[in-house]
C-alpha atoms as a PDB file:
ATOM      1  CA  UNK A   1     136.986 168.080 -28.245  1.00  0.00           C
ATOM      2  CA  UNK A   2     137.606 165.933 -31.442  1.00  0.00           C
ATOM      3  CA  UNK A   3     135.125 163.937 -32.915  1.00  0.00           C
ATOM      4  CA  UNK A   4     136.215 160.668 -34.481  1.00  0.00           C
ATOM      5  CA  UNK A   5     134.328 159.483 -37.766  1.00  0.00           C
ATOM      6  CA  UNK A   6     134.471 155.938 -38.769  1.00  0.00           C
ATOM      7  CA  UNK A   7     134.361 154.330 -42.325  1.00  0.00           C
ATOM      8  CA  UNK A   8     130.932 153.102 -43.209  1.00  0.00           C
ATOM      9  CA  UNK A   9     130.336 150.300 -45.922  1.00  0.00           C
ATOM     10  CA  UNK A  10     126.880 149.080 -46.923  1.00  0.00           C
ATOM     11  CA  UNK A  11     126.097 146.194 -49.220  1.00  0.00           C
ATOM     12  CA  UNK A  12     123.359 147.385 -51.706  1.00  0.00           C
ATOM     13  CA  UNK A  13     122.972 144.314 -53.817  1.00  0.00           C
ATOM     14  CA  UNK A  14     124.966 141.058 -55.009  1.00  0.00           C
ATOM     15  CA  UNK A  15     124.380 138.929 -57.958  1.00  0.00           C
ATOM     16  CA  UNK A  16     126.143 135.519 -58.396  1.00  0.00           C
ATOM     17  CA  UNK A  17     126.709 134.816 -62.387  1.00  0.00           C
ATOM     18  CA  UNK A  18     127.697 131.109 -62.105  1.00  0.00           C
ATOM     19  CA  UNK A  19     131.386 129.732 -62.521  1.00  0.00           C
ATOM     20  CA  UNK A  20     132.185 131.024 -58.850  1.00  0.00           C
ATOM     21  CA  UNK A  21     131.721 134.580 -59.678  1.00  0.00           C
ATOM     22  CA  UNK A  22     129.700 137.094 -57.552  1.00  0.00           C
ATOM     23  CA  UNK A  23     129.218 140.832 -58.214  1.00  0.00           C
ATOM     24  CA  UNK A  24     128.720 142.859 -54.933  1.00  0.00           C
ATOM     25  CA  UNK A  25     127.299 146.738 -55.180  1.00  0.00           C
ATOM     26  CA  UNK A  26     128.431 148.875 -52.156  1.00  0.00           C
ATOM     27  CA  UNK A  27     128.279 152.183 -50.943  1.00  0.00           C
ATOM     28  CA  UNK A  28     129.553 153.926 -47.911  1.00  0.00           C
ATOM     29  CA  UNK A  29     131.351 156.718 -46.387  1.00  0.00           C
ATOM     30  CA  UNK A  30     135.172 157.302 -46.429  1.00  0.00           C
ATOM     31  CA  UNK A  31     136.049 158.949 -42.888  1.00  0.00           C
ATOM     32  CA  UNK A  32     139.504 159.968 -43.986  1.00  0.00           C
ATOM     33  CA  UNK A  33     138.676 161.870 -47.111  1.00  0.00           C
ATOM     34  CA  UNK A  34     135.085 163.005 -45.956  1.00  0.00           C
ATOM     35  CA  UNK A  35     133.477 161.515 -49.065  1.00  0.00           C
ATOM     36  CA  UNK A  36     130.650 159.189 -50.005  1.00  0.00           C
ATOM     37  CA  UNK A  37     131.572 156.355 -52.232  1.00  0.00           C
ATOM     38  CA  UNK A  38     129.869 153.680 -54.503  1.00  0.00           C
ATOM     39  CA  UNK A  39     131.171 150.777 -56.466  1.00  0.00           C
ATOM     40  CA  UNK A  40     131.398 147.197 -57.202  1.00  0.00           C
ATOM     41  CA  UNK A  41     133.557 144.271 -56.206  1.00  0.00           C
ATOM     42  CA  UNK A  42     133.637 141.011 -58.187  1.00  0.00           C
ATOM     43  CA  UNK A  43     134.689 137.799 -56.168  1.00  0.00           C
ATOM     44  CA  UNK A  44     136.158 135.219 -58.629  1.00  0.00           C
ATOM     45  CA  UNK A  45     136.967 131.880 -56.785  1.00  0.00           C
ATOM     46  CA  UNK A  46     136.545 133.664 -53.452  1.00  0.00           C
ATOM     47  CA  UNK A  47     139.056 136.382 -54.294  1.00  0.00           C
ATOM     48  CA  UNK A  48     137.836 140.189 -54.399  1.00  0.00           C
ATOM     49  CA  UNK A  49     138.746 142.289 -57.364  1.00  0.00           C
ATOM     50  CA  UNK A  50     137.783 145.537 -58.636  1.00  0.00           C
ATOM     51  CA  UNK A  51     139.114 149.401 -58.959  1.00  0.00           C
ATOM     52  CA  UNK A  52     137.298 150.212 -55.615  1.00  0.00           C
ATOM     53  CA  UNK A  53     139.646 147.983 -53.572  1.00  0.00           C
ATOM     54  CA  UNK A  54     142.598 148.207 -56.046  1.00  0.00           C
ATOM     55  CA  UNK A  55     145.589 149.892 -54.384  1.00  0.00           C
ATOM     56  CA  UNK A  56     146.535 151.951 -57.278  1.00  0.00           C
ATOM     57  CA  UNK A  57     143.027 152.532 -58.949  1.00  0.00           C
ATOM     58  CA  UNK A  58     140.918 153.260 -55.971  1.00  0.00           C
ATOM     59  CA  UNK A  59     139.848 156.690 -54.841  1.00  0.00           C
ATOM     60  CA  UNK A  60     139.362 155.450 -51.310  1.00  0.00           C
ATOM     61  CA  UNK A  61     141.920 156.228 -48.582  1.00  0.00           C
ATOM     62  CA  UNK A  62     144.075 153.328 -47.744  1.00  0.00           C
ATOM     63  CA  UNK A  63     142.139 152.557 -44.422  1.00  0.00           C
ATOM     64  CA  UNK A  64     138.893 152.759 -46.055  1.00  0.00           C
ATOM     65  CA  UNK A  65     139.960 150.456 -48.916  1.00  0.00           C
ATOM     66  CA  UNK A  66     141.172 147.880 -46.403  1.00  0.00           C
ATOM     67  CA  UNK A  67     137.919 148.135 -44.479  1.00  0.00           C
ATOM     68  CA  UNK A  68     135.713 147.470 -47.606  1.00  0.00           C
ATOM     69  CA  UNK A  69     137.969 144.678 -48.679  1.00  0.00           C
ATOM     70  CA  UNK A  70     137.990 143.041 -45.344  1.00  0.00           C
ATOM     71  CA  UNK A  71     134.317 143.654 -44.791  1.00  0.00           C
ATOM     72  CA  UNK A  72     133.232 142.136 -48.022  1.00  0.00           C
ATOM     73  CA  UNK A  73     135.827 139.134 -47.712  1.00  0.00           C
ATOM     74  CA  UNK A  74     134.270 138.421 -44.241  1.00  0.00           C
ATOM     75  CA  UNK A  75     130.773 138.305 -45.606  1.00  0.00           C
ATOM     76  CA  UNK A  76     131.786 136.158 -48.517  1.00  0.00           C
ATOM     77  CA  UNK A  77     133.675 133.489 -46.174  1.00  0.00           C
ATOM     78  CA  UNK A  78     130.344 133.602 -43.896  1.00  0.00           C
ATOM     79  CA  UNK A  79     128.368 132.442 -47.243  1.00  0.00           C
ATOM     80  CA  UNK A  80     126.275 135.620 -47.124  1.00  0.00           C
ATOM     81  CA  UNK A  81     126.463 136.109 -50.967  1.00  0.00           C
ATOM     82  CA  UNK A  82     125.179 132.297 -51.663  1.00  0.00           C
END
């Protein structure tokens, strides 16, 4: 029987610096690669940026990168970083 693992994303901290900018520190587990990860994503005017979610710079698997980006974007849009 095969066990299926899931990506895990946790928000550690966040800080608003004004000028519509929020830095969010996250950690988690990439189920595809079997590796833990930690990093930071910057929201500028509601858009997420950072190496952690960048398609060419991220060490995360594509599915985990998408999960992290979607999760944080949903949290941002729900006003959880205000």
